[in-house]
Amino acid sequence: MASSTALSCLAALLLLAAAAAPASAAEKETRLRVYWHDVVSGGPNARVVQVAQAPSSNASATGFGTVLVIDDPLTEGPNLTSRLLGRAQGMYISAGKDSLSLLMAMNFVFVDGAYNVSSIAIIGPNQADRAVMEMPVVGGTGVFRFARGYCQLRTHWFDAKTGDATVEYKIHLRHD
């Protein structure tokens, strides 16, 4: 009798697994590469605005406590003049007191091509002193509805005098 109960439980588990399979089979996987251009310099053409800082931020080597809002171009290639694919809109906060670590919260809003009017939400730590950084994708809209995944970031170019940077984002997504 005990083996009959075990077989019934096993059969129920197999039925549940089979019922769940079609949902995951319909899921799509998308891989993207975009270049994020953080344009700090440029006066009125700057795409980054500092909105807050702690009294001690200027004395900190990492700018600890500084909050910046961004509306950065996302392009197809590493040059700022390459095809505009979208905008990175959000903020980053210098959250590392002893190392350059940023808390980033932004939406990549696509404005061209197959992903036009779709977006992905990225939030997490960016430890800027690493060669390869990784941040999670926690949601999306449009083509990327129910997105989840991750981004691998590599600094392509950085100007220490101006703070301007170009960062390659390799994005790995699963979505509806």
N, C-alpha and C. Protein backbone atom coordinates (compact mmCIF):
# COMPACT_ATOMS: atom_id res chain seq x y z
N MET A 1 0.82 -1.18 0.00
CA MET A 1 0.00 0.00 0.00
C MET A 1 0.86 1.25 0.00
N ALA A 2 1.98 1.22 0.72
CA ALA A 2 2.87 2.36 0.77
C ALA A 2 3.44 2.66 -0.61
N SER A 3 3.75 1.60 -1.38
CA SER A 3 4.29 1.83 -2.72
C SER A 3 3.22 2.38 -3.65
N SER A 4 1.96 2.03 -3.44
CA SER A 4 0.86 2.57 -4.24
C SER A 4 0.71 4.08 -4.00
N THR A 5 0.84 4.51 -2.75
CA THR A 5 0.78 5.93 -2.40
C THR A 5 1.96 6.68 -3.02
N ALA A 6 3.13 6.07 -2.96
CA ALA A 6 4.33 6.69 -3.54
C ALA A 6 4.17 6.84 -5.04
N LEU A 7 3.60 5.82 -5.71
CA LEU A 7 3.38 5.90 -7.15
C LEU A 7 2.36 6.99 -7.48
N SER A 8 1.32 7.12 -6.66
CA SER A 8 0.32 8.16 -6.88
C SER A 8 0.94 9.54 -6.75
N CYS A 9 1.79 9.73 -5.75
CA CYS A 9 2.48 11.02 -5.56
C CYS A 9 3.40 11.31 -6.73
N LEU A 10 4.12 10.29 -7.18
CA LEU A 10 5.02 10.46 -8.32
C LEU A 10 4.24 10.82 -9.57
N ALA A 11 3.11 10.17 -9.79
CA ALA A 11 2.27 10.47 -10.96
C ALA A 11 1.75 11.91 -10.88
N ALA A 12 1.35 12.35 -9.69
CA ALA A 12 0.85 13.73 -9.52
C ALA A 12 1.96 14.74 -9.80
N LEU A 13 3.16 14.44 -9.32
CA LEU A 13 4.29 15.34 -9.58
C LEU A 13 4.62 15.42 -11.07
N LEU A 14 4.57 14.29 -11.75
CA LEU A 14 4.83 14.29 -13.19
C LEU A 14 3.78 15.09 -13.95
N LEU A 15 2.51 14.96 -13.54
CA LEU A 15 1.45 15.73 -14.17
C LEU A 15 1.64 17.23 -13.94
N LEU A 16 2.02 17.62 -12.73
CA LEU A 16 2.28 19.03 -12.44
C LEU A 16 3.44 19.56 -13.28
N ALA A 17 4.51 18.78 -13.39
CA ALA A 17 5.66 19.19 -14.19
C ALA A 17 5.28 19.34 -15.66
N ALA A 18 4.48 18.43 -16.16
CA ALA A 18 4.05 18.50 -17.56
C ALA A 18 3.15 19.71 -17.80
N ALA A 19 2.32 20.05 -16.83
CA ALA A 19 1.43 21.21 -16.97
C ALA A 19 2.23 22.51 -16.97
N ALA A 20 3.34 22.55 -16.25
CA ALA A 20 4.17 23.76 -16.17
C ALA A 20 5.05 23.93 -17.39
N ALA A 21 5.32 22.88 -18.11
CA ALA A 21 6.25 22.94 -19.25
C ALA A 21 5.84 23.91 -20.35
N PRO A 22 4.56 23.96 -20.77
CA PRO A 22 4.20 24.88 -21.85
C PRO A 22 4.48 26.34 -21.53
N ALA A 23 4.32 26.77 -20.27
CA ALA A 23 4.58 28.17 -19.90
C ALA A 23 6.05 28.52 -20.14
N SER A 24 6.96 27.64 -19.76
CA SER A 24 8.37 27.94 -19.95
C SER A 24 8.78 27.78 -21.42
N ALA A 25 8.07 26.93 -22.16
CA ALA A 25 8.38 26.75 -23.58
C ALA A 25 8.03 28.00 -24.37
N ALA A 26 7.03 28.76 -23.92
CA ALA A 26 6.61 29.97 -24.62
C ALA A 26 7.52 31.15 -24.30
N GLU A 27 8.35 31.02 -23.30
CA GLU A 27 9.24 32.10 -22.89
C GLU A 27 10.32 32.34 -23.95
N LYS A 28 10.62 33.60 -24.18
CA LYS A 28 11.65 33.97 -25.16
C LYS A 28 12.94 34.33 -24.44
N GLU A 29 14.03 34.19 -25.17
CA GLU A 29 15.33 34.62 -24.66
C GLU A 29 15.91 35.61 -25.66
N THR A 30 16.35 36.75 -25.15
CA THR A 30 16.90 37.80 -26.00
C THR A 30 18.25 38.23 -25.44
N ARG A 31 19.18 38.44 -26.34
CA ARG A 31 20.50 38.97 -25.97
C ARG A 31 20.72 40.24 -26.77
N LEU A 32 21.10 41.29 -26.07
CA LEU A 32 21.32 42.59 -26.68
C LEU A 32 22.70 43.12 -26.30
N ARG A 33 23.22 44.00 -27.12
CA ARG A 33 24.41 44.75 -26.75
C ARG A 33 24.15 46.21 -27.10
N VAL A 34 24.29 47.07 -26.10
CA VAL A 34 24.15 48.51 -26.31
C VAL A 34 25.33 49.20 -25.63
N TYR A 35 25.56 50.43 -26.06
CA TYR A 35 26.61 51.25 -25.45
C TYR A 35 25.94 52.42 -24.75
N TRP A 36 26.24 52.56 -23.47
CA TRP A 36 25.68 53.57 -22.58
C TRP A 36 26.68 54.71 -22.51
N HIS A 37 26.23 55.92 -22.84
CA HIS A 37 27.12 57.08 -22.86
C HIS A 37 26.74 58.02 -21.73
N ASP A 38 27.56 58.03 -20.69
CA ASP A 38 27.33 58.90 -19.54
C ASP A 38 28.03 60.23 -19.82
N VAL A 39 27.27 61.22 -20.27
CA VAL A 39 27.83 62.51 -20.68
C VAL A 39 27.66 63.48 -19.51
N VAL A 40 28.72 63.63 -18.72
CA VAL A 40 28.71 64.50 -17.55
C VAL A 40 29.09 65.93 -17.96
N SER A 41 30.07 66.06 -18.85
CA SER A 41 30.53 67.38 -19.30
C SER A 41 29.62 67.91 -20.40
N GLY A 42 29.84 69.12 -20.80
CA GLY A 42 29.10 69.65 -21.93
C GLY A 42 28.08 70.71 -21.58
N GLY A 43 28.12 71.22 -20.35
CA GLY A 43 27.20 72.29 -19.98
C GLY A 43 25.76 71.92 -20.23
N PRO A 44 25.05 72.67 -21.10
CA PRO A 44 23.63 72.38 -21.33
C PRO A 44 23.38 71.06 -22.07
N ASN A 45 24.43 70.48 -22.68
CA ASN A 45 24.29 69.20 -23.37
C ASN A 45 24.57 68.01 -22.47
N ALA A 46 24.91 68.27 -21.21
CA ALA A 46 25.19 67.18 -20.27
C ALA A 46 23.94 66.34 -20.09
N ARG A 47 24.12 65.04 -19.91
CA ARG A 47 23.00 64.12 -19.73
C ARG A 47 22.92 63.62 -18.28
N VAL A 48 23.74 64.21 -17.41
CA VAL A 48 23.80 63.83 -16.00
C VAL A 48 23.66 65.10 -15.16
N VAL A 49 22.80 65.04 -14.14
CA VAL A 49 22.61 66.19 -13.27
C VAL A 49 22.73 65.72 -11.82
N GLN A 50 23.59 66.38 -11.07
CA GLN A 50 23.69 66.08 -9.64
C GLN A 50 22.51 66.75 -8.94
N VAL A 51 21.76 65.97 -8.15
CA VAL A 51 20.58 66.51 -7.48
C VAL A 51 20.73 66.58 -5.96
N ALA A 52 21.71 65.87 -5.41
CA ALA A 52 21.91 65.90 -3.95
C ALA A 52 23.30 65.39 -3.61
N GLN A 53 23.75 65.80 -2.44
CA GLN A 53 24.99 65.23 -1.89
C GLN A 53 25.01 65.46 -0.39
N ALA A 54 25.74 64.62 0.30
CA ALA A 54 25.90 64.76 1.75
C ALA A 54 26.94 65.84 2.03
N PRO A 55 26.91 66.44 3.20
CA PRO A 55 27.91 67.45 3.52
C PRO A 55 29.36 66.95 3.38
N SER A 56 29.55 65.66 3.57
CA SER A 56 30.91 65.09 3.50
C SER A 56 31.28 64.55 2.12
N SER A 57 30.38 64.63 1.12
CA SER A 57 30.64 64.04 -0.20
C SER A 57 31.88 64.60 -0.88
N ASN A 58 32.10 65.91 -0.80
CA ASN A 58 33.26 66.51 -1.46
C ASN A 58 34.58 66.05 -0.86
N ALA A 59 34.58 65.73 0.42
CA ALA A 59 35.80 65.26 1.09
C ALA A 59 36.05 63.78 0.86
N SER A 60 35.07 63.07 0.34
CA SER A 60 35.19 61.62 0.13
C SER A 60 35.86 61.32 -1.21
N ALA A 61 36.77 60.38 -1.23
CA ALA A 61 37.44 59.97 -2.47
C ALA A 61 36.47 59.33 -3.45
N THR A 62 35.36 58.80 -2.95
CA THR A 62 34.38 58.13 -3.81
C THR A 62 33.13 58.98 -4.07
N GLY A 63 33.07 60.19 -3.48
CA GLY A 63 31.86 61.00 -3.61
C GLY A 63 30.68 60.42 -2.85
N PHE A 64 30.98 59.63 -1.82
CA PHE A 64 29.96 58.93 -1.04
C PHE A 64 28.80 59.85 -0.68
N GLY A 65 27.58 59.44 -1.04
CA GLY A 65 26.38 60.21 -0.72
C GLY A 65 25.89 61.09 -1.85
N THR A 66 26.57 61.11 -2.98
CA THR A 66 26.15 61.94 -4.11
C THR A 66 25.08 61.22 -4.91
N VAL A 67 24.04 61.96 -5.31
CA VAL A 67 22.92 61.41 -6.09
C VAL A 67 22.88 62.13 -7.44
N LEU A 68 22.87 61.37 -8.52
CA LEU A 68 22.82 61.93 -9.87
C LEU A 68 21.66 61.33 -10.65
N VAL A 69 21.03 62.15 -11.46
CA VAL A 69 19.93 61.72 -12.33
C VAL A 69 20.46 61.71 -13.76
N ILE A 70 20.07 60.69 -14.54
CA ILE A 70 20.61 60.53 -15.89
C ILE A 70 19.51 60.41 -16.94
N ASP A 71 19.87 60.82 -18.14
CA ASP A 71 19.08 60.57 -19.35
C ASP A 71 20.12 60.34 -20.45
N ASP A 72 20.78 59.19 -20.38
CA ASP A 72 21.95 58.90 -21.22
C ASP A 72 21.56 58.19 -22.51
N PRO A 73 22.23 58.53 -23.61
CA PRO A 73 21.99 57.83 -24.88
C PRO A 73 22.47 56.37 -24.81
N LEU A 74 21.70 55.49 -25.45
CA LEU A 74 22.10 54.09 -25.68
C LEU A 74 22.27 53.94 -27.17
N THR A 75 23.46 53.55 -27.60
CA THR A 75 23.72 53.45 -29.04
C THR A 75 24.09 52.04 -29.45
N GLU A 76 24.04 51.81 -30.75
CA GLU A 76 24.37 50.52 -31.33
C GLU A 76 25.86 50.22 -31.26
N GLY A 77 26.69 51.24 -31.40
CA GLY A 77 28.14 51.08 -31.37
C GLY A 77 28.76 51.95 -30.30
N PRO A 78 30.08 51.85 -30.13
CA PRO A 78 30.74 52.58 -29.05
C PRO A 78 30.88 54.09 -29.26
N ASN A 79 30.65 54.57 -30.48
CA ASN A 79 30.73 56.01 -30.72
C ASN A 79 29.39 56.66 -30.42
N LEU A 80 29.44 57.83 -29.80
CA LEU A 80 28.22 58.56 -29.46
C LEU A 80 27.40 58.89 -30.70
N THR A 81 28.06 58.95 -31.85
CA THR A 81 27.37 59.26 -33.10
C THR A 81 26.75 58.04 -33.77
N SER A 82 26.94 56.82 -33.20
CA SER A 82 26.30 55.64 -33.80
C SER A 82 24.80 55.69 -33.57
N ARG A 83 24.09 54.81 -34.25
CA ARG A 83 22.62 54.81 -34.23
C ARG A 83 22.07 54.78 -32.81
N LEU A 84 21.18 55.72 -32.50
CA LEU A 84 20.54 55.80 -31.19
C LEU A 84 19.48 54.71 -31.09
N LEU A 85 19.62 53.83 -30.09
CA LEU A 85 18.66 52.76 -29.86
C LEU A 85 17.67 53.10 -28.75
N GLY A 86 18.11 53.95 -27.83
CA GLY A 86 17.25 54.28 -26.70
C GLY A 86 17.93 55.22 -25.74
N ARG A 87 17.34 55.30 -24.54
CA ARG A 87 17.85 56.17 -23.49
C ARG A 87 17.88 55.39 -22.19
N ALA A 88 18.91 55.65 -21.39
CA ALA A 88 18.99 55.13 -20.03
C ALA A 88 18.51 56.25 -19.12
N GLN A 89 17.35 56.08 -18.52
CA GLN A 89 16.76 57.11 -17.68
C GLN A 89 16.64 56.60 -16.26
N GLY A 90 17.19 57.36 -15.31
CA GLY A 90 17.14 56.93 -13.92
C GLY A 90 18.11 57.71 -13.07
N MET A 91 18.75 57.01 -12.15
CA MET A 91 19.68 57.67 -11.24
C MET A 91 20.76 56.71 -10.79
N TYR A 92 21.85 57.30 -10.31
CA TYR A 92 22.83 56.51 -9.60
C TYR A 92 23.32 57.28 -8.40
N ILE A 93 23.68 56.52 -7.39
CA ILE A 93 24.08 57.07 -6.10
C ILE A 93 25.43 56.48 -5.75
N SER A 94 26.35 57.33 -5.33
CA SER A 94 27.63 56.83 -4.84
C SER A 94 27.38 56.21 -3.47
N ALA A 95 27.37 54.89 -3.42
CA ALA A 95 26.99 54.17 -2.20
C ALA A 95 28.16 53.48 -1.52
N GLY A 96 29.36 53.57 -2.10
CA GLY A 96 30.54 52.95 -1.50
C GLY A 96 31.38 53.98 -0.78
N LYS A 97 31.53 53.81 0.50
CA LYS A 97 32.33 54.77 1.27
C LYS A 97 33.82 54.55 1.04
N ASP A 98 34.23 53.29 0.91
CA ASP A 98 35.65 52.99 0.77
C ASP A 98 36.05 52.52 -0.62
N SER A 99 35.08 52.29 -1.50
CA SER A 99 35.38 51.89 -2.87
C SER A 99 34.34 52.52 -3.79
N LEU A 100 34.69 52.66 -5.06
CA LEU A 100 33.76 53.27 -6.01
C LEU A 100 32.68 52.26 -6.37
N SER A 101 31.58 52.33 -5.63
CA SER A 101 30.44 51.44 -5.85
C SER A 101 29.19 52.30 -5.96
N LEU A 102 28.46 52.10 -7.04
CA LEU A 102 27.26 52.89 -7.30
C LEU A 102 26.03 52.02 -7.14
N LEU A 103 24.96 52.59 -6.61
CA LEU A 103 23.66 51.95 -6.65
C LEU A 103 22.97 52.58 -7.85
N MET A 104 22.63 51.76 -8.85
CA MET A 104 22.01 52.26 -10.07
C MET A 104 20.58 51.76 -10.17
N ALA A 105 19.68 52.66 -10.56
CA ALA A 105 18.28 52.33 -10.81
C ALA A 105 17.90 53.07 -12.08
N MET A 106 17.67 52.31 -13.16
CA MET A 106 17.37 52.96 -14.43
C MET A 106 16.52 52.08 -15.32
N ASN A 107 15.87 52.75 -16.25
CA ASN A 107 15.12 52.08 -17.31
C ASN A 107 15.85 52.31 -18.61
N PHE A 108 16.06 51.24 -19.37
CA PHE A 108 16.54 51.38 -20.73
C PHE A 108 15.28 51.45 -21.60
N VAL A 109 14.99 52.63 -22.12
CA VAL A 109 13.79 52.87 -22.91
C VAL A 109 14.20 52.89 -24.38
N PHE A 110 13.73 51.91 -25.14
CA PHE A 110 14.14 51.77 -26.53
C PHE A 110 13.26 52.65 -27.42
N VAL A 111 13.90 53.33 -28.40
CA VAL A 111 13.21 54.29 -29.25
C VAL A 111 13.34 53.97 -30.74
N ASP A 112 13.95 52.83 -31.07
CA ASP A 112 14.15 52.51 -32.48
C ASP A 112 14.17 51.00 -32.66
N GLY A 113 13.85 50.56 -33.87
CA GLY A 113 13.97 49.15 -34.24
C GLY A 113 12.88 48.28 -33.65
N ALA A 114 13.18 46.99 -33.56
CA ALA A 114 12.20 45.98 -33.13
C ALA A 114 11.74 46.18 -31.69
N TYR A 115 12.53 46.88 -30.87
CA TYR A 115 12.20 47.05 -29.45
C TYR A 115 11.63 48.44 -29.15
N ASN A 116 11.28 49.20 -30.20
CA ASN A 116 10.73 50.54 -30.03
C ASN A 116 9.56 50.53 -29.05
N VAL A 117 9.53 51.48 -28.14
CA VAL A 117 8.56 51.68 -27.05
C VAL A 117 8.56 50.56 -26.00
N SER A 118 9.56 49.71 -26.01
CA SER A 118 9.74 48.71 -24.96
C SER A 118 10.82 49.20 -24.01
N SER A 119 10.84 48.62 -22.82
CA SER A 119 11.87 49.03 -21.85
C SER A 119 12.26 47.85 -20.97
N ILE A 120 13.42 47.99 -20.33
CA ILE A 120 13.83 47.05 -19.28
C ILE A 120 14.24 47.86 -18.06
N ALA A 121 13.99 47.31 -16.89
CA ALA A 121 14.33 47.95 -15.62
C ALA A 121 15.56 47.26 -15.03
N ILE A 122 16.55 48.07 -14.71
CA ILE A 122 17.82 47.58 -14.17
C ILE A 122 18.04 48.26 -12.83
N ILE A 123 18.29 47.48 -11.80
CA ILE A 123 18.59 48.07 -10.50
C ILE A 123 19.58 47.18 -9.78
N GLY A 124 20.60 47.81 -9.19
CA GLY A 124 21.56 47.04 -8.44
C GLY A 124 22.89 47.75 -8.31
N PRO A 125 23.86 47.04 -7.74
CA PRO A 125 25.17 47.64 -7.52
C PRO A 125 26.03 47.63 -8.78
N ASN A 126 26.80 48.67 -8.94
CA ASN A 126 27.78 48.75 -10.02
C ASN A 126 29.11 49.06 -9.35
N GLN A 127 29.93 48.04 -9.19
CA GLN A 127 31.24 48.23 -8.58
C GLN A 127 32.20 48.64 -9.68
N ALA A 128 32.29 49.95 -9.87
CA ALA A 128 32.93 50.55 -11.04
C ALA A 128 34.42 50.27 -11.15
N ASP A 129 35.05 49.80 -10.10
CA ASP A 129 36.49 49.52 -10.17
C ASP A 129 36.80 48.12 -10.70
N ARG A 130 35.80 47.35 -11.06
CA ARG A 130 36.01 46.00 -11.59
C ARG A 130 36.07 46.03 -13.11
N ALA A 131 36.79 45.09 -13.70
CA ALA A 131 36.88 44.99 -15.16
C ALA A 131 35.54 44.61 -15.78
N VAL A 132 34.83 43.68 -15.13
CA VAL A 132 33.50 43.26 -15.59
C VAL A 132 32.56 43.38 -14.40
N MET A 133 31.47 44.10 -14.61
CA MET A 133 30.46 44.29 -13.57
C MET A 133 29.20 43.56 -14.02
N GLU A 134 28.33 43.26 -13.07
CA GLU A 134 27.08 42.59 -13.41
C GLU A 134 25.95 43.20 -12.60
N MET A 135 24.83 43.47 -13.29
CA MET A 135 23.66 44.03 -12.62
C MET A 135 22.41 43.28 -13.07
N PRO A 136 21.41 43.19 -12.21
CA PRO A 136 20.20 42.44 -12.57
C PRO A 136 19.19 43.26 -13.38
N VAL A 137 18.49 42.58 -14.27
CA VAL A 137 17.30 43.13 -14.94
C VAL A 137 16.12 42.59 -14.14
N VAL A 138 15.26 43.50 -13.68
CA VAL A 138 14.19 43.09 -12.77
C VAL A 138 12.79 43.25 -13.35
N GLY A 139 12.69 43.70 -14.60
CA GLY A 139 11.37 43.84 -15.21
C GLY A 139 11.48 44.44 -16.59
N GLY A 140 10.32 44.58 -17.22
CA GLY A 140 10.30 45.17 -18.55
C GLY A 140 8.89 45.45 -19.02
N THR A 141 8.80 46.16 -20.14
CA THR A 141 7.51 46.49 -20.74
C THR A 141 7.57 46.21 -22.23
N GLY A 142 6.40 46.22 -22.88
CA GLY A 142 6.34 46.00 -24.32
C GLY A 142 6.83 44.62 -24.69
N VAL A 143 7.75 44.55 -25.63
CA VAL A 143 8.32 43.27 -26.07
C VAL A 143 8.95 42.53 -24.89
N PHE A 144 9.43 43.28 -23.90
CA PHE A 144 10.15 42.69 -22.76
C PHE A 144 9.28 42.54 -21.51
N ARG A 145 7.97 42.41 -21.69
CA ARG A 145 7.08 42.23 -20.55
C ARG A 145 7.51 41.01 -19.74
N PHE A 146 7.53 41.16 -18.44
CA PHE A 146 7.96 40.13 -17.48
C PHE A 146 9.44 39.77 -17.62
N ALA A 147 10.24 40.71 -18.10
CA ALA A 147 11.67 40.43 -18.29
C ALA A 147 12.37 40.20 -16.95
N ARG A 148 13.35 39.34 -17.04
CA ARG A 148 14.29 39.11 -15.93
C ARG A 148 15.59 38.67 -16.57
N GLY A 149 16.69 38.93 -15.90
CA GLY A 149 17.97 38.56 -16.45
C GLY A 149 19.08 39.36 -15.82
N TYR A 150 20.11 39.60 -16.63
CA TYR A 150 21.27 40.32 -16.10
C TYR A 150 21.98 41.06 -17.22
N CYS A 151 22.80 42.01 -16.81
CA CYS A 151 23.66 42.76 -17.74
C CYS A 151 25.10 42.56 -17.29
N GLN A 152 25.97 42.38 -18.26
CA GLN A 152 27.41 42.41 -17.98
C GLN A 152 27.95 43.71 -18.56
N LEU A 153 28.64 44.47 -17.73
CA LEU A 153 29.13 45.79 -18.11
C LEU A 153 30.65 45.78 -18.21
N ARG A 154 31.15 46.46 -19.23
CA ARG A 154 32.59 46.66 -19.39
C ARG A 154 32.79 48.12 -19.79
N THR A 155 33.65 48.81 -19.07
CA THR A 155 33.95 50.19 -19.43
C THR A 155 34.74 50.18 -20.73
N HIS A 156 34.20 50.85 -21.72
CA HIS A 156 34.85 50.94 -23.03
C HIS A 156 35.79 52.15 -23.05
N TRP A 157 35.37 53.24 -22.40
CA TRP A 157 36.15 54.47 -22.41
C TRP A 157 35.75 55.30 -21.19
N PHE A 158 36.73 55.96 -20.57
CA PHE A 158 36.46 56.80 -19.42
C PHE A 158 37.43 57.97 -19.42
N ASP A 159 36.91 59.18 -19.22
CA ASP A 159 37.74 60.38 -19.12
C ASP A 159 37.73 60.84 -17.66
N ALA A 160 38.84 60.65 -16.96
CA ALA A 160 38.91 60.96 -15.54
C ALA A 160 38.74 62.46 -15.26
N LYS A 161 39.07 63.31 -16.21
CA LYS A 161 38.93 64.77 -16.00
C LYS A 161 37.47 65.20 -16.03
N THR A 162 36.71 64.69 -16.98
CA THR A 162 35.32 65.13 -17.14
C THR A 162 34.31 64.21 -16.46
N GLY A 163 34.67 62.95 -16.27
CA GLY A 163 33.73 61.96 -15.75
C GLY A 163 32.91 61.30 -16.84
N ASP A 164 33.09 61.72 -18.09
CA ASP A 164 32.37 61.11 -19.21
C ASP A 164 32.82 59.66 -19.38
N ALA A 165 31.89 58.80 -19.76
CA ALA A 165 32.21 57.38 -19.92
C ALA A 165 31.33 56.75 -20.98
N THR A 166 31.86 55.71 -21.60
CA THR A 166 31.09 54.84 -22.48
C THR A 166 31.25 53.43 -21.93
N VAL A 167 30.11 52.78 -21.69
CA VAL A 167 30.11 51.45 -21.09
C VAL A 167 29.32 50.51 -21.99
N GLU A 168 29.91 49.35 -22.28
CA GLU A 168 29.23 48.32 -23.06
C GLU A 168 28.35 47.50 -22.11
N TYR A 169 27.08 47.33 -22.49
CA TYR A 169 26.13 46.51 -21.74
C TYR A 169 25.77 45.31 -22.60
N LYS A 170 26.14 44.12 -22.15
CA LYS A 170 25.66 42.89 -22.77
C LYS A 170 24.50 42.42 -21.91
N ILE A 171 23.30 42.38 -22.51
CA ILE A 171 22.08 42.13 -21.76
C ILE A 171 21.53 40.76 -22.12
N HIS A 172 21.24 39.95 -21.11
CA HIS A 172 20.69 38.61 -21.28
C HIS A 172 19.32 38.58 -20.60
N LEU A 173 18.27 38.35 -21.40
CA LEU A 173 16.90 38.44 -20.90
C LEU A 173 16.09 37.17 -21.16
N ARG A 174 15.14 36.92 -20.28
CA ARG A 174 14.05 35.98 -20.51
C ARG A 174 12.77 36.76 -20.29
N HIS A 175 11.80 36.57 -21.18
CA HIS A 175 10.58 37.36 -21.11
C HIS A 175 9.46 36.66 -21.88
N ASP A 176 8.23 37.21 -21.75
CA ASP A 176 7.08 36.69 -22.49
C ASP A 176 7.24 36.95 -23.96
